[in-house]
N, C-alpha and C. Protein backbone atom coordinates (compact mmCIF):
# COMPACT_ATOMS: atom_id res chain seq x y z
N MET A 1 0.75 -1.24 0.05
CA MET A 1 0.05 -0.10 0.06
C MET A 1 0.89 1.33 -0.13
N VAL A 2 0.45 2.21 -0.75
CA VAL A 2 1.11 3.77 -0.70
C VAL A 2 0.15 4.73 -0.34
N ILE A 3 0.60 5.62 0.35
CA ILE A 3 -0.26 6.82 0.89
C ILE A 3 -0.29 7.70 -0.26
N ALA A 4 -1.39 8.29 -0.69
CA ALA A 4 -1.68 9.29 -1.58
C ALA A 4 -0.65 10.38 -1.76
N SER A 5 -0.27 10.99 -0.71
CA SER A 5 0.53 12.04 -0.50
C SER A 5 1.99 11.71 -1.02
N GLN A 6 2.20 10.27 -1.10
CA GLN A 6 3.62 9.90 -1.40
C GLN A 6 3.77 9.43 -2.84
N LEU A 7 2.68 9.65 -3.68
CA LEU A 7 2.57 9.35 -5.16
C LEU A 7 3.55 9.98 -5.94
N ARG A 8 4.41 9.24 -6.78
CA ARG A 8 5.42 9.91 -7.60
C ARG A 8 5.01 9.23 -8.97
N ALA A 9 5.55 10.19 -10.01
CA ALA A 9 5.62 9.66 -11.30
C ALA A 9 6.11 8.26 -11.60
N GLY A 10 5.58 7.20 -12.30
CA GLY A 10 5.96 5.97 -12.53
C GLY A 10 5.43 4.96 -11.44
N THR A 11 4.75 5.36 -10.44
CA THR A 11 4.14 4.55 -9.61
C THR A 11 3.03 3.74 -10.27
N VAL A 12 2.80 2.46 -10.13
CA VAL A 12 1.67 1.73 -10.69
C VAL A 12 0.73 1.38 -9.66
N LEU A 13 -0.57 1.75 -9.79
CA LEU A 13 -1.66 1.54 -8.88
C LEU A 13 -2.63 0.53 -9.53
N LYS A 14 -3.30 -0.04 -8.58
CA LYS A 14 -4.59 -0.93 -8.96
C LYS A 14 -5.68 -0.19 -8.39
N ILE A 15 -6.54 0.22 -9.29
CA ILE A 15 -7.81 1.04 -8.71
C ILE A 15 -9.09 0.20 -9.46
N GLY A 16 -9.77 -0.37 -8.53
CA GLY A 16 -10.79 -1.40 -9.09
C GLY A 16 -10.09 -2.53 -9.89
N ASP A 17 -10.51 -2.70 -11.10
CA ASP A 17 -9.96 -3.88 -11.87
C ASP A 17 -8.99 -3.34 -12.86
N GLU A 18 -8.63 -2.11 -12.75
CA GLU A 18 -7.66 -1.52 -13.68
C GLU A 18 -6.47 -1.32 -13.17
N ILE A 19 -5.38 -1.23 -13.92
CA ILE A 19 -4.01 -0.86 -13.60
C ILE A 19 -3.62 0.54 -14.13
N PHE A 20 -3.16 1.49 -13.34
CA PHE A 20 -2.70 2.78 -13.82
C PHE A 20 -1.42 3.10 -13.48
N LYS A 21 -0.62 3.84 -14.30
CA LYS A 21 0.70 4.24 -14.17
C LYS A 21 0.49 5.86 -13.95
N VAL A 22 1.09 6.27 -12.83
CA VAL A 22 1.25 7.69 -12.43
C VAL A 22 2.09 8.49 -13.37
N LEU A 23 1.43 9.41 -14.07
CA LEU A 23 2.24 10.31 -14.91
C LEU A 23 2.85 11.56 -14.07
N GLU A 24 1.88 12.18 -13.37
CA GLU A 24 2.09 13.35 -12.57
C GLU A 24 1.37 13.27 -11.47
N SER A 25 2.00 13.88 -10.24
CA SER A 25 1.22 13.91 -8.90
C SER A 25 1.60 15.19 -8.38
N ALA A 26 0.46 16.02 -7.84
CA ALA A 26 0.74 17.23 -7.06
C ALA A 26 -0.02 17.31 -5.81
N TYR A 27 0.59 17.80 -4.67
CA TYR A 27 -0.06 17.89 -3.50
C TYR A 27 -0.64 19.38 -3.37
N HIS A 28 -1.86 19.59 -3.16
CA HIS A 28 -2.50 20.93 -3.06
C HIS A 28 -3.01 21.11 -1.53
N ILE A 29 -2.35 22.08 -1.04
CA ILE A 29 -2.67 22.37 0.39
C ILE A 29 -3.95 22.95 0.39
N GLY A 30 -4.85 22.58 1.48
CA GLY A 30 -6.07 23.12 1.68
C GLY A 30 -6.11 24.36 2.52
N GLN A 31 -7.36 25.28 2.41
CA GLN A 31 -7.27 26.38 2.96
C GLN A 31 -8.51 26.57 3.77
N GLY A 32 -8.36 27.20 5.01
CA GLY A 32 -9.59 27.11 5.90
C GLY A 32 -10.08 25.72 6.37
N LYS A 33 -11.22 25.61 6.09
CA LYS A 33 -11.87 24.20 6.48
C LYS A 33 -11.74 23.33 5.37
N MET A 34 -11.18 23.61 4.12
CA MET A 34 -10.98 22.76 3.06
C MET A 34 -9.75 21.92 3.24
N PRO A 35 -9.93 20.55 3.16
CA PRO A 35 -8.61 19.75 3.58
C PRO A 35 -7.82 19.66 2.17
N GLY A 36 -6.56 19.49 2.33
CA GLY A 36 -5.66 19.29 1.17
C GLY A 36 -6.01 18.15 0.24
N SER A 37 -5.55 17.97 -0.86
CA SER A 37 -5.85 17.03 -1.81
C SER A 37 -4.59 16.63 -2.63
N VAL A 38 -4.38 15.36 -3.20
CA VAL A 38 -3.49 14.93 -4.03
C VAL A 38 -4.10 14.76 -5.47
N HIS A 39 -3.74 15.64 -6.41
CA HIS A 39 -4.27 15.50 -7.80
C HIS A 39 -3.19 14.67 -8.52
N ALA A 40 -3.70 13.62 -9.20
CA ALA A 40 -2.90 12.75 -9.92
C ALA A 40 -3.42 12.51 -11.40
N LYS A 41 -2.50 12.63 -12.42
CA LYS A 41 -2.69 12.23 -13.83
C LYS A 41 -2.30 10.88 -13.95
N LEU A 42 -3.20 10.00 -14.46
CA LEU A 42 -2.91 8.48 -14.63
C LEU A 42 -3.15 8.13 -16.03
N GLN A 43 -2.38 7.18 -16.24
CA GLN A 43 -2.70 6.48 -17.73
C GLN A 43 -2.90 4.93 -17.47
N SER A 44 -3.90 4.56 -17.96
CA SER A 44 -4.26 3.07 -18.03
C SER A 44 -3.22 2.28 -18.70
N VAL A 45 -2.67 1.19 -18.02
CA VAL A 45 -1.57 0.43 -18.61
C VAL A 45 -2.23 -0.42 -19.70
N LEU A 46 -3.29 -0.99 -19.64
CA LEU A 46 -3.93 -1.82 -20.58
C LEU A 46 -4.55 -1.20 -21.73
N LYS A 47 -5.25 0.00 -21.62
CA LYS A 47 -5.90 0.58 -22.58
C LYS A 47 -5.17 1.92 -23.17
N GLY A 48 -4.27 2.33 -22.36
CA GLY A 48 -3.58 3.65 -22.94
C GLY A 48 -4.38 4.99 -22.63
N THR A 49 -5.49 4.81 -22.03
CA THR A 49 -6.46 6.07 -21.86
C THR A 49 -5.90 6.81 -20.59
N PHE A 50 -6.30 8.16 -20.58
CA PHE A 50 -5.87 8.92 -19.44
C PHE A 50 -6.95 9.22 -18.52
N LYS A 51 -6.64 9.54 -17.35
CA LYS A 51 -7.57 9.67 -16.46
C LYS A 51 -6.94 10.58 -15.20
N GLU A 52 -7.56 11.67 -14.69
CA GLU A 52 -7.35 12.51 -13.60
C GLU A 52 -8.09 12.29 -12.49
N LEU A 53 -7.48 11.97 -11.30
CA LEU A 53 -8.14 11.62 -10.02
C LEU A 53 -7.64 12.47 -8.83
N ARG A 54 -8.53 12.77 -7.82
CA ARG A 54 -8.14 13.46 -6.83
C ARG A 54 -8.24 12.43 -5.48
N PHE A 55 -7.28 12.60 -4.55
CA PHE A 55 -7.31 11.75 -3.44
C PHE A 55 -6.98 12.49 -2.27
N ARG A 56 -7.55 11.98 -0.98
CA ARG A 56 -7.23 12.54 0.23
C ARG A 56 -5.73 12.30 0.53
N PRO A 57 -4.97 13.17 1.07
CA PRO A 57 -3.57 12.94 1.29
C PRO A 57 -3.16 11.69 2.18
N GLU A 58 -4.09 11.33 3.06
CA GLU A 58 -3.84 10.16 3.85
C GLU A 58 -4.50 8.94 3.37
N GLU A 59 -5.14 8.93 2.24
CA GLU A 59 -5.81 7.76 1.61
C GLU A 59 -4.72 6.67 1.20
N LYS A 60 -4.88 5.48 1.49
CA LYS A 60 -4.02 4.44 1.18
C LYS A 60 -4.52 3.81 -0.04
N LEU A 61 -3.68 3.65 -1.12
CA LEU A 61 -3.87 2.98 -2.41
C LEU A 61 -3.08 1.74 -2.69
N GLU A 62 -3.64 0.88 -3.30
CA GLU A 62 -2.88 -0.34 -3.69
C GLU A 62 -1.89 -0.26 -4.74
N ASP A 63 -0.60 -0.31 -4.55
CA ASP A 63 0.37 -0.16 -5.53
C ASP A 63 0.75 -1.66 -6.01
N VAL A 64 1.21 -1.52 -7.29
CA VAL A 64 1.29 -2.97 -7.99
C VAL A 64 2.93 -2.84 -8.58
N GLU A 65 3.46 -3.87 -8.67
CA GLU A 65 5.01 -4.09 -9.01
C GLU A 65 4.79 -4.76 -10.46
N LEU A 66 5.27 -3.83 -11.49
CA LEU A 66 5.45 -4.58 -12.84
C LEU A 66 6.79 -5.08 -13.08
N VAL A 67 6.85 -6.32 -13.66
CA VAL A 67 8.20 -6.94 -13.74
C VAL A 67 8.57 -6.69 -15.26
N LYS A 68 9.87 -6.19 -15.34
CA LYS A 68 10.26 -5.91 -16.86
C LYS A 68 11.04 -7.19 -17.32
N GLN A 69 10.71 -7.52 -18.64
CA GLN A 69 11.34 -8.80 -19.16
C GLN A 69 11.75 -8.33 -20.58
N GLN A 70 12.92 -8.61 -21.05
CA GLN A 70 13.49 -8.31 -22.32
C GLN A 70 12.75 -9.31 -23.25
N MET A 71 12.20 -8.98 -24.28
CA MET A 71 11.67 -9.68 -25.34
C MET A 71 11.74 -9.24 -26.66
N GLU A 72 11.95 -10.04 -27.66
CA GLU A 72 12.01 -9.79 -29.14
C GLU A 72 10.80 -9.35 -29.69
N PHE A 73 10.82 -8.23 -30.37
CA PHE A 73 9.53 -7.75 -31.27
C PHE A 73 9.57 -8.42 -32.54
N LEU A 74 8.48 -9.26 -32.87
CA LEU A 74 8.35 -10.05 -34.06
C LEU A 74 7.65 -9.30 -35.00
N TYR A 75 6.50 -8.91 -34.84
CA TYR A 75 5.69 -8.18 -36.01
C TYR A 75 4.50 -7.54 -35.30
N SER A 76 3.86 -6.70 -36.07
CA SER A 76 2.54 -6.11 -35.57
C SER A 76 1.60 -6.33 -36.68
N ASP A 77 0.26 -6.37 -36.31
CA ASP A 77 -0.71 -6.33 -37.30
C ASP A 77 -1.61 -5.21 -36.98
N ALA A 78 -2.97 -5.33 -37.63
CA ALA A 78 -3.85 -4.09 -37.40
C ALA A 78 -4.11 -3.65 -35.97
N ASP A 79 -4.24 -4.54 -35.07
CA ASP A 79 -4.47 -4.24 -33.63
C ASP A 79 -3.67 -4.87 -32.47
N SER A 80 -2.58 -5.50 -32.82
CA SER A 80 -1.82 -5.97 -31.68
C SER A 80 -0.26 -6.02 -32.33
N ALA A 81 0.55 -6.18 -31.23
CA ALA A 81 2.05 -6.46 -31.60
C ALA A 81 2.40 -7.64 -30.78
N THR A 82 3.21 -8.41 -31.59
CA THR A 82 3.64 -9.86 -30.95
C THR A 82 5.21 -9.73 -30.53
N PHE A 83 5.36 -10.32 -29.48
CA PHE A 83 6.66 -10.36 -28.86
C PHE A 83 6.97 -11.84 -28.38
N MET A 84 8.24 -12.15 -28.34
CA MET A 84 8.63 -13.64 -28.02
C MET A 84 9.79 -13.54 -26.83
N HIS A 85 9.29 -14.50 -25.91
CA HIS A 85 10.33 -14.55 -24.75
C HIS A 85 11.69 -15.11 -25.28
N PRO A 86 12.84 -14.67 -24.87
CA PRO A 86 13.99 -15.14 -25.27
C PRO A 86 14.45 -16.60 -24.98
N THR A 87 13.89 -17.05 -23.86
CA THR A 87 14.39 -18.39 -23.40
C THR A 87 13.40 -19.49 -23.64
N THR A 88 12.03 -19.20 -23.40
CA THR A 88 10.96 -20.14 -23.64
C THR A 88 10.34 -20.03 -25.01
N PHE A 89 10.63 -19.01 -25.75
CA PHE A 89 10.10 -18.96 -27.14
C PHE A 89 8.57 -18.73 -27.12
N GLU A 90 8.00 -18.45 -25.96
CA GLU A 90 6.66 -18.25 -26.00
C GLU A 90 6.24 -16.85 -26.67
N GLN A 91 5.02 -16.79 -27.32
CA GLN A 91 4.91 -15.47 -28.06
C GLN A 91 3.56 -14.86 -27.22
N TYR A 92 3.74 -13.66 -27.13
CA TYR A 92 2.74 -12.81 -26.43
C TYR A 92 2.26 -11.77 -27.35
N SER A 93 0.75 -11.39 -27.31
CA SER A 93 0.49 -10.26 -28.10
C SER A 93 0.00 -9.11 -27.23
N LEU A 94 0.30 -7.85 -27.48
CA LEU A 94 -0.25 -6.83 -26.83
C LEU A 94 -1.00 -5.82 -27.58
N PRO A 95 -2.14 -5.36 -27.19
CA PRO A 95 -3.03 -4.53 -28.07
C PRO A 95 -2.05 -3.27 -28.31
N LEU A 96 -2.10 -2.70 -29.58
CA LEU A 96 -1.34 -1.53 -29.98
C LEU A 96 -1.77 -0.29 -29.07
N GLU A 97 -3.05 -0.25 -28.53
CA GLU A 97 -3.35 0.92 -27.80
C GLU A 97 -2.74 0.96 -26.44
N SER A 98 -2.26 -0.09 -25.93
CA SER A 98 -1.42 -0.18 -24.79
C SER A 98 -0.07 0.31 -25.00
N ILE A 99 0.34 0.17 -26.25
CA ILE A 99 1.81 0.55 -26.44
C ILE A 99 1.88 2.10 -26.77
N GLY A 100 0.82 2.55 -27.24
CA GLY A 100 0.63 4.11 -27.57
C GLY A 100 1.58 4.53 -28.87
N PRO A 101 2.01 5.78 -28.66
CA PRO A 101 2.92 6.12 -29.66
C PRO A 101 4.17 5.57 -30.02
N ALA A 102 4.67 4.73 -29.01
CA ALA A 102 5.95 4.06 -29.16
C ALA A 102 5.97 2.89 -30.22
N GLN A 103 4.69 2.52 -30.64
CA GLN A 103 4.60 1.50 -31.74
C GLN A 103 5.23 1.85 -33.03
N LYS A 104 5.39 3.18 -33.24
CA LYS A 104 6.06 3.56 -34.64
C LYS A 104 7.60 3.08 -34.49
N PHE A 105 8.12 3.07 -33.39
CA PHE A 105 9.59 2.88 -33.19
C PHE A 105 9.99 1.44 -33.08
N LEU A 106 8.98 0.55 -33.08
CA LEU A 106 9.35 -0.84 -32.79
C LEU A 106 9.74 -1.48 -34.27
N LYS A 107 11.02 -2.27 -34.29
CA LYS A 107 11.60 -2.74 -35.32
C LYS A 107 11.62 -4.42 -35.19
N PRO A 108 11.15 -5.11 -36.07
CA PRO A 108 11.29 -6.71 -35.97
C PRO A 108 12.67 -6.98 -35.57
N GLY A 109 12.94 -7.81 -34.68
CA GLY A 109 14.20 -8.24 -34.19
C GLY A 109 14.86 -7.59 -33.08
N ASN A 110 14.30 -6.45 -32.68
CA ASN A 110 14.60 -5.50 -31.49
C ASN A 110 14.35 -6.26 -30.24
N GLU A 111 15.32 -6.04 -29.43
CA GLU A 111 14.95 -6.60 -27.77
C GLU A 111 14.35 -5.32 -27.28
N ILE A 112 13.21 -5.51 -26.63
CA ILE A 112 12.30 -4.66 -26.11
C ILE A 112 12.01 -4.80 -24.68
N PRO A 113 11.99 -3.89 -23.63
CA PRO A 113 11.64 -4.30 -22.35
C PRO A 113 10.11 -4.29 -22.24
N VAL A 114 9.52 -5.45 -21.74
CA VAL A 114 8.06 -5.61 -21.82
C VAL A 114 7.85 -5.68 -20.32
N GLU A 115 6.69 -5.01 -19.91
CA GLU A 115 6.30 -5.00 -18.59
C GLU A 115 5.24 -6.01 -18.27
N LEU A 116 5.33 -7.01 -17.25
CA LEU A 116 4.59 -7.90 -16.98
C LEU A 116 3.72 -7.83 -15.70
N TYR A 117 2.35 -8.03 -15.73
CA TYR A 117 1.58 -8.05 -14.33
C TYR A 117 1.09 -9.35 -14.26
N GLU A 118 1.47 -10.08 -13.29
CA GLU A 118 0.95 -11.47 -12.87
C GLU A 118 1.34 -12.43 -14.10
N GLY A 119 2.48 -12.14 -14.70
CA GLY A 119 2.94 -13.07 -15.83
C GLY A 119 2.42 -12.68 -17.22
N GLN A 120 1.44 -11.66 -17.15
CA GLN A 120 0.96 -11.35 -18.65
C GLN A 120 1.57 -10.06 -18.87
N PRO A 121 1.91 -10.01 -20.30
CA PRO A 121 2.43 -8.72 -20.57
C PRO A 121 1.32 -7.50 -20.72
N VAL A 122 1.63 -6.28 -20.22
CA VAL A 122 0.74 -5.37 -20.33
C VAL A 122 1.12 -4.00 -20.85
N SER A 123 2.36 -3.86 -21.19
CA SER A 123 2.93 -2.68 -21.80
C SER A 123 4.24 -2.82 -22.21
N VAL A 124 4.93 -1.90 -23.10
CA VAL A 124 6.36 -1.89 -23.32
C VAL A 124 6.88 -0.81 -22.48
N ALA A 125 8.29 -0.89 -22.38
CA ALA A 125 9.03 0.27 -21.46
C ALA A 125 9.98 0.76 -22.44
N LEU A 126 9.73 1.46 -23.61
CA LEU A 126 10.74 2.03 -24.40
C LEU A 126 11.39 3.25 -23.74
N PRO A 127 12.71 3.88 -24.33
CA PRO A 127 13.15 4.94 -23.52
C PRO A 127 12.40 6.04 -24.09
N THR A 128 12.51 7.09 -23.62
CA THR A 128 11.89 8.48 -23.98
C THR A 128 12.20 8.88 -25.08
N VAL A 129 13.66 8.62 -25.57
CA VAL A 129 14.26 9.14 -26.79
C VAL A 129 14.86 7.97 -27.57
N MET A 130 14.60 7.97 -28.96
CA MET A 130 15.04 7.00 -29.85
C MET A 130 15.78 7.53 -30.91
N GLU A 131 16.84 6.69 -31.47
CA GLU A 131 17.43 7.16 -32.67
C GLU A 131 16.98 6.49 -33.98
N VAL A 132 16.67 7.28 -34.80
CA VAL A 132 16.18 6.94 -36.11
C VAL A 132 16.82 7.52 -37.35
N LYS A 133 16.96 6.78 -38.36
CA LYS A 133 17.53 7.18 -39.54
C LYS A 133 16.63 8.02 -40.50
N VAL A 134 17.04 9.20 -41.10
CA VAL A 134 16.21 9.88 -42.05
C VAL A 134 16.19 9.23 -43.27
N ASP A 135 15.14 8.95 -43.81
CA ASP A 135 14.85 8.19 -45.09
C ASP A 135 14.94 9.25 -46.27
N THR A 136 13.97 10.25 -46.28
CA THR A 136 13.92 11.34 -47.36
C THR A 136 13.64 12.51 -46.71
N THR A 137 14.28 13.58 -47.31
CA THR A 137 13.96 14.96 -46.95
C THR A 137 14.40 15.89 -48.08
N SER A 138 14.00 17.06 -48.25
CA SER A 138 14.09 17.86 -49.30
C SER A 138 15.54 18.57 -49.05
N GLU A 139 16.09 19.32 -50.19
CA GLU A 139 17.26 20.08 -50.11
C GLU A 139 16.90 21.26 -49.28
N PRO A 140 18.10 21.82 -48.45
CA PRO A 140 17.69 23.11 -47.73
C PRO A 140 17.26 24.28 -48.60
N VAL A 141 16.47 25.07 -48.21
CA VAL A 141 15.81 26.26 -48.79
C VAL A 141 17.03 27.38 -48.94
N HIS A 142 17.56 27.52 -47.63
CA HIS A 142 18.82 28.39 -47.54
C HIS A 142 19.95 27.73 -46.76
N GLN A 143 21.17 27.92 -47.19
CA GLN A 143 22.25 27.00 -46.62
C GLN A 143 22.56 27.51 -45.22
N GLN A 144 22.59 28.62 -45.02
CA GLN A 144 23.07 29.25 -43.76
C GLN A 144 21.76 29.30 -42.52
N GLN A 145 20.77 28.93 -42.82
CA GLN A 145 19.61 28.95 -41.83
C GLN A 145 19.54 27.63 -41.25
N ASP A 146 19.62 27.79 -39.78
CA ASP A 146 19.60 26.66 -38.95
C ASP A 146 18.17 26.79 -38.01
N ASN A 147 17.65 27.82 -38.08
CA ASN A 147 16.36 28.04 -37.44
C ASN A 147 15.08 27.73 -38.17
N THR A 148 15.22 27.20 -39.36
CA THR A 148 14.04 27.00 -40.12
C THR A 148 13.93 25.35 -40.13
N TYR A 149 12.85 24.86 -40.27
CA TYR A 149 12.44 23.57 -40.34
C TYR A 149 12.00 23.15 -41.64
N LYS A 150 12.06 21.88 -42.15
CA LYS A 150 11.46 21.20 -43.31
C LYS A 150 11.19 19.79 -43.03
N PRO A 151 10.33 19.32 -43.66
CA PRO A 151 9.56 17.94 -43.34
C PRO A 151 10.63 17.00 -43.65
N ALA A 152 10.72 15.85 -43.00
CA ALA A 152 11.49 14.63 -43.47
C ALA A 152 10.68 13.41 -43.08
N VAL A 153 10.96 12.25 -43.82
CA VAL A 153 10.38 11.08 -43.62
C VAL A 153 11.43 10.20 -43.08
N LEU A 154 11.05 9.48 -41.91
CA LEU A 154 12.13 8.58 -41.17
C LEU A 154 11.92 7.24 -41.69
N GLU A 155 12.91 6.24 -41.43
CA GLU A 155 12.80 4.95 -41.97
C GLU A 155 11.64 4.24 -41.42
N ASN A 156 11.08 4.55 -40.38
CA ASN A 156 9.89 4.05 -39.92
C ASN A 156 8.57 4.56 -40.44
N GLY A 157 8.60 5.48 -41.43
CA GLY A 157 7.50 6.00 -42.10
C GLY A 157 7.01 7.13 -41.43
N MET A 158 7.45 7.59 -40.36
CA MET A 158 6.96 8.67 -39.70
C MET A 158 7.56 10.05 -40.22
N GLU A 159 6.61 10.95 -40.27
CA GLU A 159 7.16 12.36 -40.72
C GLU A 159 7.17 13.25 -39.92
N ILE A 160 8.37 13.94 -39.51
CA ILE A 160 8.67 15.02 -38.54
C ILE A 160 9.24 16.16 -39.32
N MET A 161 9.47 17.25 -38.57
CA MET A 161 10.12 18.35 -38.97
C MET A 161 11.59 18.53 -38.45
N VAL A 162 12.44 18.69 -39.30
CA VAL A 162 13.91 18.72 -38.94
C VAL A 162 14.46 20.02 -39.32
N PRO A 163 15.66 20.37 -38.84
CA PRO A 163 16.38 21.55 -39.27
C PRO A 163 16.80 21.51 -40.72
N GLN A 164 17.20 22.69 -41.45
CA GLN A 164 17.61 22.67 -42.81
C GLN A 164 18.83 21.88 -43.06
N PHE A 165 19.62 21.66 -42.19
CA PHE A 165 21.01 21.05 -42.58
C PHE A 165 20.94 19.48 -42.23
N ILE A 166 19.75 18.88 -41.97
CA ILE A 166 19.73 17.38 -41.92
C ILE A 166 19.47 16.84 -43.56
N LYS A 167 20.17 15.86 -43.66
CA LYS A 167 20.26 15.18 -44.99
C LYS A 167 19.78 13.79 -44.88
N PRO A 168 19.35 13.12 -46.07
CA PRO A 168 19.02 11.86 -45.99
C PRO A 168 20.08 10.78 -45.50
N GLY A 169 19.79 9.95 -44.73
CA GLY A 169 20.82 8.84 -44.29
C GLY A 169 21.36 9.16 -42.90
N GLU A 170 21.07 10.48 -42.40
CA GLU A 170 21.65 10.82 -41.13
C GLU A 170 20.78 10.24 -39.98
N ILE A 171 21.30 10.25 -38.89
CA ILE A 171 20.52 9.57 -37.64
C ILE A 171 20.25 10.79 -36.88
N VAL A 172 18.93 10.84 -36.45
CA VAL A 172 18.42 11.88 -35.55
C VAL A 172 17.73 11.18 -34.29
N ARG A 173 17.73 11.94 -33.26
CA ARG A 173 17.10 11.63 -31.77
C ARG A 173 15.72 12.11 -32.06
N VAL A 174 14.68 11.38 -31.53
CA VAL A 174 13.29 11.83 -31.73
C VAL A 174 12.71 11.37 -30.32
N GLU A 175 11.88 12.37 -29.93
CA GLU A 175 11.21 12.10 -28.56
C GLU A 175 10.06 11.12 -28.92
N VAL A 176 9.96 10.02 -28.19
CA VAL A 176 8.99 8.97 -28.56
C VAL A 176 7.50 9.42 -28.42
N THR A 177 7.17 10.22 -27.37
CA THR A 177 5.76 10.48 -27.16
C THR A 177 5.14 11.48 -28.01
N THR A 178 6.15 12.51 -28.30
CA THR A 178 5.71 13.61 -29.20
C THR A 178 5.96 13.51 -30.71
N GLY A 179 7.05 12.68 -31.07
CA GLY A 179 7.62 12.55 -32.24
C GLY A 179 8.41 13.89 -32.68
N LYS A 180 8.79 14.56 -31.74
CA LYS A 180 9.56 15.82 -32.13
C LYS A 180 10.98 15.56 -32.21
N TYR A 181 11.62 16.36 -33.19
CA TYR A 181 13.21 16.24 -33.32
C TYR A 181 13.85 16.74 -32.21
N LEU A 182 14.93 16.13 -31.78
CA LEU A 182 15.61 16.70 -30.59
C LEU A 182 17.06 17.11 -30.99
N GLU A 183 17.94 16.20 -31.85
CA GLU A 183 19.15 16.57 -32.18
C GLU A 183 19.54 15.68 -33.30
N ARG A 184 20.70 16.08 -33.99
CA ARG A 184 21.29 15.17 -34.95
C ARG A 184 22.44 14.25 -34.08
N VAL A 185 22.44 13.03 -34.54
CA VAL A 185 23.52 12.06 -33.89
C VAL A 185 24.73 12.14 -34.62
N ARG A 186 25.84 12.47 -34.13
CA ARG A 186 27.13 12.44 -34.94
C ARG A 186 27.47 10.96 -35.13
N ALA A 187 28.15 10.69 -36.37
CA ALA A 187 28.34 9.44 -36.72
C ALA A 187 29.23 8.42 -35.84
N ASP A 188 30.06 9.21 -34.91
CA ASP A 188 30.77 8.43 -33.98
C ASP A 188 30.28 8.07 -32.67
N THR A 189 29.01 8.61 -32.56
CA THR A 189 28.30 8.51 -30.96
C THR A 189 27.04 7.82 -31.09
N HIS A 190 26.61 7.57 -32.27
CA HIS A 190 25.11 7.07 -32.26
C HIS A 190 25.22 5.44 -31.58
N ARG A 191 24.13 5.12 -30.99
CA ARG A 191 24.01 3.74 -30.47
C ARG A 191 22.96 2.91 -30.93
N PHE A 192 23.14 1.87 -31.30
CA PHE A 192 21.78 0.86 -31.73
C PHE A 192 21.83 -0.31 -30.90
């Protein structure tokens, strides 16, 4: 059990039959006769939907431990992604809505940390930033301008805006949740 006033981002709670991951938590001090409260922004681990709840600071909540297991991503279809356990070779399917925007960054053959609840996979734990290769982009409009952006298509089919100096074949860092360009990766420092 965890006390509501001690909620932190990343904590996993079981509320009713659903499992939620805390994204944000803030304690609001009460005034006068109004007691304080804890406001939490939650995401359903299974459905990917968001919910905002308010708790009394002393309220006890059931916290849950998710076990991370490295699994190989095999393929995805219209509504699910399939992963394989590396030692037992068992295959598990996860609904795409539980993966969220990270599904665009899954490549067959990649080892992905999958979160398990009671032995069943419920979500993936991709890093917040991924390195992806630029497939196509147009020539720069002005050679000296670094503060203007142009569209680029990445190797995973995703279209993002990148600075003028980015060329096809370069590796860029992209924020997984927003799909926003962060920086270009130098050839000697990228990690796959």
